Amino acid sequence: MVCSASCLAHGNVSKQTRATSATRTLQNTLWWQIAKQHHLDPYILYAVALKESANDADPAAVKPWPWALNKSGQSLMPASQREAHALLKQSIDEGNRLVDVGLMQINVRWHGHRVNSPAQLLDPITNVQIGAELLATAIGSAPHDLALGIGRYFSWKDEKAAIAYGKSVMAIADRVKQVI
């Protein structure tokens, strides 16, 4: 099954695609391709996106949401890229750079330097590429403790919170493997 940018953005696989897919995996999706570029397990990458930006508005298809924002602890699920862009711009214009953006919830304050403009973080492919870079660095920092490494995507300072986050992501990845 081949996943377009739209599939990456919406992060789900249609029932029709699942029914016709012989492998029922993330293989040959952009999730897979980006994960492999960074030597990551694609299910862990996808699970981080689910943990960070899951939109459960449709109970039949919980999926990472490309337009998700978190402004100073307030989660927002704009319906469109245009709406997300307007909210992001408003936050930046107000001087608030503590905004997590997109599928992988890339923080503008800490990682905005990775793009020319914060709005570029709303591009799903750019967002997942940056998220994969950050995740690979985090995992590499704890080569003998995968849960801690994954968890450092969430918190470098609070080891207990990082391990809990990592274990949660690993459980999500296991569940994803069972359902796709």
Protein backbone atom coordinates (compact mmCIF):
# COMPACT_ATOMS: atom_id res chain seq x y z
CA MET A 1 0.00 0.00 0.00
CA VAL A 2 1.42 3.36 -0.94
CA CYS A 3 0.66 6.31 1.28
CA SER A 4 0.50 9.79 -0.23
CA ALA A 5 1.20 13.02 1.61
CA SER A 6 -2.53 13.07 2.37
CA CYS A 7 -2.33 9.60 3.93
CA LEU A 8 0.70 10.73 5.92
CA ALA A 9 -1.16 13.82 7.01
CA HIS A 10 -4.24 11.94 8.05
CA GLY A 11 -2.30 8.95 9.30
CA ASN A 12 -4.85 6.30 8.64
CA VAL A 13 -5.33 3.56 6.14
CA SER A 14 -8.76 3.14 4.62
CA LYS A 15 -10.70 -0.06 5.18
CA GLN A 16 -10.57 -0.68 1.43
CA THR A 17 -6.77 -0.33 1.38
CA ARG A 18 -6.50 -2.62 4.40
CA ALA A 19 -8.71 -5.22 2.77
CA THR A 20 -6.64 -5.29 -0.41
CA SER A 21 -3.23 -5.04 1.23
CA ALA A 22 -1.36 -8.30 1.50
CA THR A 23 1.00 -7.02 4.16
CA ARG A 24 -1.21 -4.77 6.32
CA THR A 25 1.78 -2.84 7.61
CA LEU A 26 3.22 0.64 7.43
CA GLN A 27 5.65 -0.69 4.83
CA ASN A 28 5.86 1.49 1.71
CA THR A 29 4.21 4.44 3.44
CA LEU A 30 5.88 7.77 4.06
CA TRP A 31 5.92 6.84 7.77
CA TRP A 32 8.06 3.84 6.85
CA GLN A 33 10.31 5.81 4.49
CA ILE A 34 10.97 8.63 6.94
CA ALA A 35 11.53 6.20 9.82
CA LYS A 36 14.03 4.20 7.80
CA GLN A 37 15.94 7.37 6.82
CA HIS A 38 16.52 7.93 10.54
CA HIS A 39 17.03 4.26 11.51
CA LEU A 40 13.78 4.21 13.49
CA ASP A 41 11.06 1.63 13.93
CA PRO A 42 8.20 3.05 11.82
CA TYR A 43 5.66 1.85 14.36
CA ILE A 44 7.41 3.80 17.11
CA LEU A 45 7.47 6.92 14.92
CA TYR A 46 3.77 6.54 14.13
CA ALA A 47 2.99 5.82 17.79
CA VAL A 48 4.73 9.03 18.86
CA ALA A 49 2.54 10.91 16.37
CA LEU A 50 -0.54 9.22 17.83
CA LYS A 51 0.56 10.05 21.37
CA GLU A 52 1.27 13.65 20.44
CA SER A 53 -1.58 14.57 18.11
CA ALA A 54 -4.31 11.91 18.14
CA ASN A 55 -7.66 13.14 16.93
CA ASP A 56 -10.45 10.86 17.99
CA ALA A 57 -13.30 12.89 16.48
CA ASP A 58 -14.08 9.85 14.33
CA PRO A 59 -14.23 6.89 16.74
CA ALA A 60 -13.78 4.48 13.83
CA ALA A 61 -10.38 5.94 12.93
CA VAL A 62 -8.26 7.51 15.66
CA LYS A 63 -5.33 9.09 13.87
CA PRO A 64 -2.56 11.64 14.27
CA TRP A 65 -3.84 15.09 13.30
CA PRO A 66 -1.68 17.23 11.00
CA TRP A 67 -3.17 20.52 12.17
CA ALA A 68 -2.94 19.84 15.92
CA LEU A 69 -1.61 22.70 18.02
CA ASN A 70 -0.82 22.99 21.69
CA LYS A 71 -0.61 26.59 22.86
CA SER A 72 0.87 26.84 26.36
CA GLY A 73 -0.77 23.58 27.42
CA GLN A 74 -4.08 24.09 25.60
CA SER A 75 -4.69 21.41 22.95
CA LEU A 76 -6.39 22.61 19.80
CA MET A 77 -7.60 20.53 16.84
CA PRO A 78 -8.23 23.00 14.01
CA ALA A 79 -10.33 21.55 11.21
CA SER A 80 -8.00 22.71 8.44
CA GLN A 81 -4.46 23.78 7.67
CA ARG A 82 -5.76 27.30 7.05
CA GLU A 83 -7.34 27.45 10.50
CA ALA A 84 -4.20 26.01 12.12
CA HIS A 85 -2.05 28.56 10.29
CA ALA A 86 -4.24 31.43 11.53
CA LEU A 87 -4.05 30.20 15.14
CA LEU A 88 -0.29 29.66 14.90
CA LYS A 89 0.24 33.11 13.40
CA GLN A 90 -1.92 34.69 16.11
CA SER A 91 0.11 32.99 18.82
CA ILE A 92 3.44 34.06 17.30
CA ASP A 93 2.15 37.62 16.77
CA GLU A 94 1.19 37.72 20.46
CA GLY A 95 4.76 36.76 21.35
CA ASN A 96 3.90 33.20 22.37
CA ARG A 97 6.39 30.77 20.84
CA LEU A 98 5.46 27.99 23.29
CA VAL A 99 3.42 26.26 20.63
CA ASP A 100 3.64 22.61 19.62
CA VAL A 101 2.72 22.11 15.97
CA GLY A 102 1.44 19.30 13.79
CA LEU A 103 1.60 15.54 13.73
CA MET A 104 4.73 15.31 15.85
CA GLN A 105 3.99 18.43 17.96
CA ILE A 106 7.23 20.22 17.11
CA ASN A 107 7.79 23.07 19.56
CA VAL A 108 8.32 26.45 17.89
CA ARG A 109 10.41 27.87 20.74
CA TRP A 110 12.88 24.99 20.85
CA HIS A 111 12.87 23.79 17.25
CA GLY A 112 11.58 26.69 15.16
CA HIS A 113 15.14 27.25 13.95
CA ARG A 114 14.82 24.06 11.89
CA VAL A 115 12.48 25.80 9.43
CA ASN A 116 12.39 29.19 7.73
CA SER A 117 8.96 29.95 9.18
CA PRO A 118 6.85 28.34 11.92
CA ALA A 119 4.10 27.83 9.33
CA GLN A 120 6.34 25.27 7.60
CA LEU A 121 5.79 23.01 10.60
CA LEU A 122 2.23 22.59 9.33
CA ASP A 123 3.57 20.71 6.32
CA PRO A 124 3.05 17.07 7.34
CA ILE A 125 6.18 15.76 5.65
CA THR A 126 8.40 18.50 7.09
CA ASN A 127 6.84 17.95 10.50
CA VAL A 128 7.42 14.20 10.51
CA GLN A 129 10.98 14.62 9.16
CA ILE A 130 11.85 16.94 12.03
CA GLY A 131 10.06 14.72 14.53
CA ALA A 132 12.01 11.71 13.26
CA GLU A 133 15.31 13.60 13.66
CA LEU A 134 14.40 14.55 17.22
CA LEU A 135 13.23 11.03 18.06
CA ALA A 136 16.40 9.47 16.65
CA THR A 137 18.51 11.81 18.77
CA ALA A 138 16.43 11.02 21.85
CA ILE A 139 16.66 7.25 21.34
CA GLY A 140 20.38 7.50 20.63
CA SER A 141 20.90 9.21 23.98
CA ALA A 142 19.83 6.07 25.87
CA PRO A 143 21.10 3.11 23.84
CA HIS A 144 20.39 0.58 26.59
CA ASP A 145 16.92 1.84 27.59
CA LEU A 146 14.47 2.19 24.72
CA ALA A 147 11.64 3.48 26.92
CA LEU A 148 13.87 6.24 28.30
CA GLY A 149 15.17 7.10 24.83
CA ILE A 150 11.69 7.36 23.35
CA GLY A 151 10.57 9.29 26.41
CA ARG A 152 13.23 11.90 25.92
CA TYR A 153 11.23 13.02 22.90
CA PHE A 154 8.82 14.27 25.59
CA SER A 155 11.15 15.21 28.46
CA TRP A 156 14.93 15.19 28.90
CA LYS A 157 14.88 16.47 32.47
CA ASP A 158 12.21 14.30 34.13
CA GLU A 159 13.43 10.71 33.78
CA LYS A 160 10.36 9.21 35.46
CA ALA A 161 8.02 11.07 33.09
CA ALA A 162 10.23 10.15 30.13
CA ILE A 163 10.13 6.44 30.95
CA ALA A 164 6.35 6.52 31.42
CA TYR A 165 5.96 8.31 28.08
CA GLY A 166 8.28 5.83 26.36
CA LYS A 167 6.40 2.83 27.74
CA SER A 168 3.11 4.37 26.62
CA VAL A 169 4.47 4.91 23.09
CA MET A 170 5.75 1.33 22.97
CA ALA A 171 2.30 0.04 23.99
CA ILE A 172 0.67 2.19 21.29
CA ALA A 173 3.12 0.84 18.70
CA ASP A 174 2.27 -2.73 19.71
CA ARG A 175 -1.44 -1.95 19.36
CA VAL A 176 -0.93 -0.36 15.93
CA LYS A 177 0.85 -3.51 14.75
CA GLN A 178 -2.20 -5.52 15.80
CA VAL A 179 -4.78 -3.38 13.99
CA ILE A 180 -3.20 -2.50 10.66
